[in-house]
C-alpha atoms as a PDB file:
ATOM      1  CA  MET A   1      15.247  55.837  85.110  1.00  0.00           C
ATOM      2  CA  ASP A   2      15.784  57.145  81.598  1.00  0.00           C
ATOM      3  CA  VAL A   3      12.260  57.811  80.338  1.00  0.00           C
ATOM      4  CA  ARG A   4      13.403  58.271  76.746  1.00  0.00           C
ATOM      5  CA  GLN A   5      15.119  54.871  76.734  1.00  0.00           C
ATOM      6  CA  GLU A   6      12.022  53.236  78.220  1.00  0.00           C
ATOM      7  CA  VAL A   7       9.849  54.809  75.515  1.00  0.00           C
ATOM      8  CA  LEU A   8      12.267  53.734  72.771  1.00  0.00           C
ATOM      9  CA  HIS A   9      12.419  50.192  74.123  1.00  0.00           C
ATOM     10  CA  ALA A  10       8.621  49.999  74.256  1.00  0.00           C
ATOM     11  CA  LEU A  11       8.318  51.378  70.718  1.00  0.00           C
ATOM     12  CA  ASP A  12      10.835  48.872  69.430  1.00  0.00           C
ATOM     13  CA  GLU A  13       9.146  45.953  71.147  1.00  0.00           C
ATOM     14  CA  VAL A  14       5.497  46.813  70.472  1.00  0.00           C
ATOM     15  CA  LEU A  15       6.085  47.797  66.845  1.00  0.00           C
ATOM     16  CA  SER A  16       8.556  44.942  66.195  1.00  0.00           C
ATOM     17  CA  LEU A  17      11.111  47.389  64.811  1.00  0.00           C
ATOM     18  CA  GLY A  18      14.089  45.082  65.264  1.00  0.00           C
ATOM     19  CA  GLY A  19      16.248  47.714  66.934  1.00  0.00           C
ATOM     20  CA  ARG A  20      15.339  50.620  64.616  1.00  0.00           C
ATOM     21  CA  ALA A  21      13.979  52.640  67.532  1.00  0.00           C
ATOM     22  CA  ARG A  22      17.503  52.967  68.968  1.00  0.00           C
ATOM     23  CA  ARG A  23      18.245  55.420  66.148  1.00  0.00           C
ATOM     24  CA  PHE A  24      15.184  57.556  66.884  1.00  0.00           C
ATOM     25  CA  THR A  25      15.789  61.061  68.209  1.00  0.00           C
ATOM     26  CA  ALA A  26      13.386  63.358  70.044  1.00  0.00           C
ATOM     27  CA  ASP A  27      12.448  64.861  66.665  1.00  0.00           C
ATOM     28  CA  THR A  28      11.644  61.536  64.989  1.00  0.00           C
ATOM     29  CA  PRO A  29       8.035  61.709  63.802  1.00  0.00           C
ATOM     30  CA  LEU A  30       5.758  58.875  64.883  1.00  0.00           C
ATOM     31  CA  LEU A  31       2.087  58.966  63.842  1.00  0.00           C
ATOM     32  CA  GLY A  32       1.856  59.018  60.086  1.00  0.00           C
ATOM     33  CA  ALA A  33       5.588  58.430  59.679  1.00  0.00           C
ATOM     34  CA  VAL A  34       6.114  55.013  61.252  1.00  0.00           C
ATOM     35  CA  PRO A  35       3.787  52.664  59.341  1.00  0.00           C
ATOM     36  CA  GLU A  36       3.765  50.131  62.176  1.00  0.00           C
ATOM     37  CA  LEU A  37       2.177  52.695  64.538  1.00  0.00           C
ATOM     38  CA  ASP A  38      -1.491  52.207  63.762  1.00  0.00           C
ATOM     39  CA  SER A  39      -4.433  52.556  66.147  1.00  0.00           C
ATOM     40  CA  MET A  40      -4.028  49.035  67.550  1.00  0.00           C
ATOM     41  CA  ALA A  41      -0.309  49.627  68.122  1.00  0.00           C
ATOM     42  CA  VAL A  42      -1.072  52.873  69.969  1.00  0.00           C
ATOM     43  CA  VAL A  43      -3.268  50.944  72.414  1.00  0.00           C
ATOM     44  CA  ALA A  44      -0.598  48.241  72.838  1.00  0.00           C
ATOM     45  CA  LEU A  45       2.078  50.884  73.370  1.00  0.00           C
ATOM     46  CA  ILE A  46       0.051  52.672  76.049  1.00  0.00           C
ATOM     47  CA  THR A  47      -0.628  49.372  77.804  1.00  0.00           C
ATOM     48  CA  THR A  48       3.035  48.380  77.663  1.00  0.00           C
ATOM     49  CA  LEU A  49       4.181  51.716  79.086  1.00  0.00           C
ATOM     50  CA  GLN A  50       1.620  51.511  81.885  1.00  0.00           C
ATOM     51  CA  GLU A  51       2.702  48.000  82.832  1.00  0.00           C
ATOM     52  CA  ARG A  52       6.435  48.660  82.635  1.00  0.00           C
ATOM     53  CA  LEU A  53       6.478  52.021  84.353  1.00  0.00           C
ATOM     54  CA  GLY A  54       3.626  51.530  86.797  1.00  0.00           C
ATOM     55  CA  VAL A  55       1.734  54.608  85.679  1.00  0.00           C
ATOM     56  CA  ASN A  56      -1.862  55.051  84.680  1.00  0.00           C
ATOM     57  CA  PHE A  57      -2.793  57.134  81.710  1.00  0.00           C
ATOM     58  CA  HIS A  58      -6.203  58.695  81.304  1.00  0.00           C
ATOM     59  CA  ASP A  59      -8.100  59.116  78.046  1.00  0.00           C
ATOM     60  CA  ASP A  60      -7.643  62.872  78.202  1.00  0.00           C
ATOM     61  CA  ASP A  61      -3.841  62.455  78.425  1.00  0.00           C
ATOM     62  CA  PHE A  62      -3.736  61.734  74.710  1.00  0.00           C
ATOM     63  CA  ASP A  63      -4.490  63.913  71.743  1.00  0.00           C
ATOM     64  CA  GLY A  64      -3.066  64.290  68.246  1.00  0.00           C
ATOM     65  CA  GLU A  65       0.052  65.911  69.636  1.00  0.00           C
ATOM     66  CA  SER A  66       0.915  63.089  72.045  1.00  0.00           C
ATOM     67  CA  PHE A  67       2.260  60.756  69.354  1.00  0.00           C
ATOM     68  CA  ARG A  68       3.589  63.426  66.975  1.00  0.00           C
ATOM     69  CA  THR A  69       7.253  62.717  67.781  1.00  0.00           C
ATOM     70  CA  VAL A  70       9.356  60.617  70.118  1.00  0.00           C
ATOM     71  CA  GLY A  71       9.905  63.815  72.105  1.00  0.00           C
ATOM     72  CA  THR A  72       6.214  64.584  72.589  1.00  0.00           C
ATOM     73  CA  LEU A  73       5.526  61.013  73.690  1.00  0.00           C
ATOM     74  CA  THR A  74       8.515  61.017  76.046  1.00  0.00           C
ATOM     75  CA  ALA A  75       7.394  64.338  77.549  1.00  0.00           C
ATOM     76  CA  LEU A  76       3.913  62.951  78.196  1.00  0.00           C
ATOM     77  CA  VAL A  77       5.287  59.814  79.850  1.00  0.00           C
ATOM     78  CA  GLY A  78       7.712  61.871  81.938  1.00  0.00           C
ATOM     79  CA  GLU A  79       4.931  64.181  83.053  1.00  0.00           C
ATOM     80  CA  ARG A  80       2.765  61.213  84.012  1.00  0.00           C
ATOM     81  CA  LEU A  81       5.632  59.674  85.998  1.00  0.00           C
ATOM     82  CA  ALA A  82       6.176  62.955  87.839  1.00  0.00           C
ATOM     83  CA  HIS A  83       2.557  62.895  88.984  1.00  0.00           C
ATOM     84  CA  ALA A  84       2.469  59.207  89.903  1.00  0.00           C
END
């Protein structure tokens, strides 16, 4: 499984980006840079990733750094999958 592709697909779907997420790189900023990523979208994104990937996130998994870039989010998801 390509974790980065799963994260990009979830971002595109949850934020209704119409394919824009395919152009995102690991360095693409998220929170504060993608207007569609508000607090409600963060919750929807977490839920979508949990359902699709079969992982459970905990409240302490997330901090301000988690959604800084595509890379930081992908790293968190990958780490969670490794411990599932």
